[in-house]
Amino acid sequence: MQVKLGETNKLDEFQENLHKMQAEAESSGGNTKSAPQFWMPSPLPERVLMQIHELFLRSEGHEIPLRNFIATWNAHFANETLAYRTLGFRDVRGLLSQASPARGVGARLAMVPS
């Protein structure tokens, strides 16, 4: 997935307003839970990236349907769970969006040649 920013000044304005709202809420002792909270997940560990790479290389056609990814993972790495939530991702799709060798091809994930 690619996101293209059309108007950078609007993003800057949004960020300034967000910081002002958060500063005002903190200084007045108010609740900051109503303000939007954003975070970037930490980079995937090299070991997980290598396992994902190996999984795609072992798969037929170097493709895995997204709906079968966890089952395929469990079949190849039976003793290890894919703890995507622990790594800061909401779902497997989010995790794989950070795995550089994987990209969407229709309803499947495919290996991108390096």
C-alpha atoms as a PDB file:
ATOM      1  CA  MET A   1       0.000   0.000   0.000  1.00  0.00           C
ATOM      2  CA  GLN A   2       1.269   3.444  -0.853  1.00  0.00           C
ATOM      3  CA  VAL A   3       0.020   6.710   0.590  1.00  0.00           C
ATOM      4  CA  LYS A   4       0.714   9.921  -1.258  1.00  0.00           C
ATOM      5  CA  LEU A   5       0.467  13.225   0.582  1.00  0.00           C
ATOM      6  CA  GLY A   6      -1.163  15.895  -1.529  1.00  0.00           C
ATOM      7  CA  GLU A   7      -1.047  18.939   0.739  1.00  0.00           C
ATOM      8  CA  THR A   8       1.837  18.948   3.199  1.00  0.00           C
ATOM      9  CA  ASN A   9       0.751  22.242   4.736  1.00  0.00           C
ATOM     10  CA  LYS A  10      -2.529  20.659   5.911  1.00  0.00           C
ATOM     11  CA  LEU A  11      -0.609  17.843   7.586  1.00  0.00           C
ATOM     12  CA  ASP A  12       1.662  20.360   9.310  1.00  0.00           C
ATOM     13  CA  GLU A  13      -1.384  22.326  10.446  1.00  0.00           C
ATOM     14  CA  PHE A  14      -3.032  19.164  11.797  1.00  0.00           C
ATOM     15  CA  GLN A  15       0.120  18.203  13.708  1.00  0.00           C
ATOM     16  CA  GLU A  16       0.407  21.688  15.240  1.00  0.00           C
ATOM     17  CA  ASN A  17      -3.246  21.626  16.336  1.00  0.00           C
ATOM     18  CA  LEU A  18      -2.832  18.134  17.764  1.00  0.00           C
ATOM     19  CA  HIS A  19       0.229  19.156  19.802  1.00  0.00           C
ATOM     20  CA  LYS A  20      -1.596  22.244  21.082  1.00  0.00           C
ATOM     21  CA  MET A  21      -4.619  20.166  22.148  1.00  0.00           C
ATOM     22  CA  GLN A  22      -2.406  17.652  23.940  1.00  0.00           C
ATOM     23  CA  ALA A  23      -0.377  20.378  25.675  1.00  0.00           C
ATOM     24  CA  GLU A  24      -3.541  22.175  26.820  1.00  0.00           C
ATOM     25  CA  ALA A  25      -5.064  18.954  28.143  1.00  0.00           C
ATOM     26  CA  GLU A  26      -1.890  18.054  30.045  1.00  0.00           C
ATOM     27  CA  SER A  27      -1.411  21.533  31.511  1.00  0.00           C
ATOM     28  CA  SER A  28      -5.016  21.730  32.723  1.00  0.00           C
ATOM     29  CA  GLY A  29      -4.851  18.233  34.193  1.00  0.00           C
ATOM     30  CA  GLY A  30      -7.473  17.102  31.716  1.00  0.00           C
ATOM     31  CA  ASN A  31      -7.901  13.786  30.042  1.00  0.00           C
ATOM     32  CA  THR A  32      -5.765  13.245  26.927  1.00  0.00           C
ATOM     33  CA  LYS A  33      -7.559  10.041  25.939  1.00  0.00           C
ATOM     34  CA  SER A  34      -9.929  11.933  23.626  1.00  0.00           C
ATOM     35  CA  ALA A  35      -7.023  13.209  21.530  1.00  0.00           C
ATOM     36  CA  PRO A  36      -5.917  10.933  18.682  1.00  0.00           C
ATOM     37  CA  GLN A  37      -2.934   8.757  19.498  1.00  0.00           C
ATOM     38  CA  PHE A  38      -0.573   7.534  16.790  1.00  0.00           C
ATOM     39  CA  TRP A  39       2.467   5.277  16.887  1.00  0.00           C
ATOM     40  CA  MET A  40       4.685   3.477  14.449  1.00  0.00           C
ATOM     41  CA  PRO A  41       5.352  -0.181  15.113  1.00  0.00           C
ATOM     42  CA  SER A  42       8.961  -1.029  15.744  1.00  0.00           C
ATOM     43  CA  PRO A  43      10.881  -2.623  12.856  1.00  0.00           C
ATOM     44  CA  LEU A  44      10.430  -6.364  12.489  1.00  0.00           C
ATOM     45  CA  PRO A  45      13.182  -8.460  14.036  1.00  0.00           C
ATOM     46  CA  GLU A  46      15.596  -9.891  11.478  1.00  0.00           C
ATOM     47  CA  ARG A  47      14.696 -13.428  12.567  1.00  0.00           C
ATOM     48  CA  VAL A  48      10.992 -12.898  11.761  1.00  0.00           C
ATOM     49  CA  LEU A  49      11.863 -11.368   8.383  1.00  0.00           C
ATOM     50  CA  MET A  50      14.036 -14.358   7.553  1.00  0.00           C
ATOM     51  CA  GLN A  51      11.267 -16.777   8.585  1.00  0.00           C
ATOM     52  CA  ILE A  52       8.731 -14.941   6.409  1.00  0.00           C
ATOM     53  CA  HIS A  53      11.186 -15.022   3.507  1.00  0.00           C
ATOM     54  CA  GLU A  54      11.768 -18.762   4.024  1.00  0.00           C
ATOM     55  CA  LEU A  55       8.023 -19.384   4.207  1.00  0.00           C
ATOM     56  CA  PHE A  56       7.424 -17.725   0.832  1.00  0.00           C
ATOM     57  CA  LEU A  57      10.332 -19.571  -0.744  1.00  0.00           C
ATOM     58  CA  ARG A  58       8.911 -22.919   0.417  1.00  0.00           C
ATOM     59  CA  SER A  59       5.395 -22.123  -0.832  1.00  0.00           C
ATOM     60  CA  GLU A  60       4.202 -23.178  -4.251  1.00  0.00           C
ATOM     61  CA  GLY A  61       4.675 -20.339  -6.719  1.00  0.00           C
ATOM     62  CA  HIS A  62       6.102 -18.241  -3.857  1.00  0.00           C
ATOM     63  CA  GLU A  63       2.538 -17.171  -3.041  1.00  0.00           C
ATOM     64  CA  ILE A  64       0.376 -17.632   0.049  1.00  0.00           C
ATOM     65  CA  PRO A  65      -3.284 -16.596   0.296  1.00  0.00           C
ATOM     66  CA  LEU A  66      -3.566 -14.080   3.134  1.00  0.00           C
ATOM     67  CA  ARG A  67      -6.389 -16.036   4.754  1.00  0.00           C
ATOM     68  CA  ASN A  68      -4.083 -19.082   4.957  1.00  0.00           C
ATOM     69  CA  PHE A  69      -0.953 -17.298   6.145  1.00  0.00           C
ATOM     70  CA  ILE A  70      -1.248 -18.246   9.832  1.00  0.00           C
ATOM     71  CA  ALA A  71      -2.046 -21.883   8.972  1.00  0.00           C
ATOM     72  CA  THR A  72       0.949 -21.978   6.619  1.00  0.00           C
ATOM     73  CA  TRP A  73       3.151 -20.418   9.301  1.00  0.00           C
ATOM     74  CA  ASN A  74       1.993 -22.978  11.881  1.00  0.00           C
ATOM     75  CA  ALA A  75       2.622 -25.840   9.455  1.00  0.00           C
ATOM     76  CA  HIS A  76       6.219 -24.743   8.803  1.00  0.00           C
ATOM     77  CA  PHE A  77       7.106 -23.349  12.224  1.00  0.00           C
ATOM     78  CA  ALA A  78       5.050 -25.581  14.523  1.00  0.00           C
ATOM     79  CA  ASN A  79       6.951 -24.647  17.679  1.00  0.00           C
ATOM     80  CA  GLU A  80       6.765 -20.875  17.169  1.00  0.00           C
ATOM     81  CA  THR A  81       3.686 -18.687  17.194  1.00  0.00           C
ATOM     82  CA  LEU A  82       3.589 -15.581  15.034  1.00  0.00           C
ATOM     83  CA  ALA A  83       3.073 -12.962  17.753  1.00  0.00           C
ATOM     84  CA  TYR A  84       2.054 -10.101  15.467  1.00  0.00           C
ATOM     85  CA  ARG A  85       0.167  -8.267  18.233  1.00  0.00           C
ATOM     86  CA  THR A  86       3.181  -8.391  20.521  1.00  0.00           C
ATOM     87  CA  LEU A  87       5.167  -6.792  17.702  1.00  0.00           C
ATOM     88  CA  GLY A  88       2.627  -3.926  17.605  1.00  0.00           C
ATOM     89  CA  PHE A  89       0.396  -4.932  14.683  1.00  0.00           C
ATOM     90  CA  ARG A  90      -3.383  -5.195  14.666  1.00  0.00           C
ATOM     91  CA  ASP A  91      -3.449  -8.113  12.256  1.00  0.00           C
ATOM     92  CA  VAL A  92      -1.305 -10.251   9.967  1.00  0.00           C
ATOM     93  CA  ARG A  93      -1.869  -7.879   7.054  1.00  0.00           C
ATOM     94  CA  GLY A  94      -0.277  -5.065   9.074  1.00  0.00           C
ATOM     95  CA  LEU A  95       2.688  -7.253   9.952  1.00  0.00           C
ATOM     96  CA  LEU A  96       3.216  -8.272   6.340  1.00  0.00           C
ATOM     97  CA  SER A  97       3.002  -4.661   5.177  1.00  0.00           C
ATOM     98  CA  GLN A  98       6.288  -4.136   7.036  1.00  0.00           C
ATOM     99  CA  ALA A  99       7.894  -7.263   5.567  1.00  0.00           C
ATOM    100  CA  SER A 100       9.661  -5.916   2.499  1.00  0.00           C
ATOM    101  CA  PRO A 101       9.709  -9.175   0.495  1.00  0.00           C
ATOM    102  CA  ALA A 102       5.906  -9.557   0.591  1.00  0.00           C
ATOM    103  CA  ARG A 103       3.401  -7.664  -1.545  1.00  0.00           C
ATOM    104  CA  GLY A 104      -0.235  -8.138  -2.444  1.00  0.00           C
ATOM    105  CA  VAL A 105      -1.067  -9.810  -5.733  1.00  0.00           C
ATOM    106  CA  GLY A 106      -4.832  -9.960  -6.034  1.00  0.00           C
ATOM    107  CA  ALA A 107      -6.082 -11.982  -3.079  1.00  0.00           C
ATOM    108  CA  ARG A 108      -2.639 -13.500  -2.486  1.00  0.00           C
ATOM    109  CA  LEU A 109       0.665 -12.425  -1.077  1.00  0.00           C
ATOM    110  CA  ALA A 110       3.666 -12.972  -3.311  1.00  0.00           C
ATOM    111  CA  MET A 111       7.411 -12.799  -2.963  1.00  0.00           C
ATOM    112  CA  VAL A 112       9.014  -9.787  -4.600  1.00  0.00           C
ATOM    113  CA  PRO A 113      12.304 -10.706  -6.277  1.00  0.00           C
ATOM    114  CA  SER A 114      15.256  -8.902  -4.705  1.00  0.00           C
END
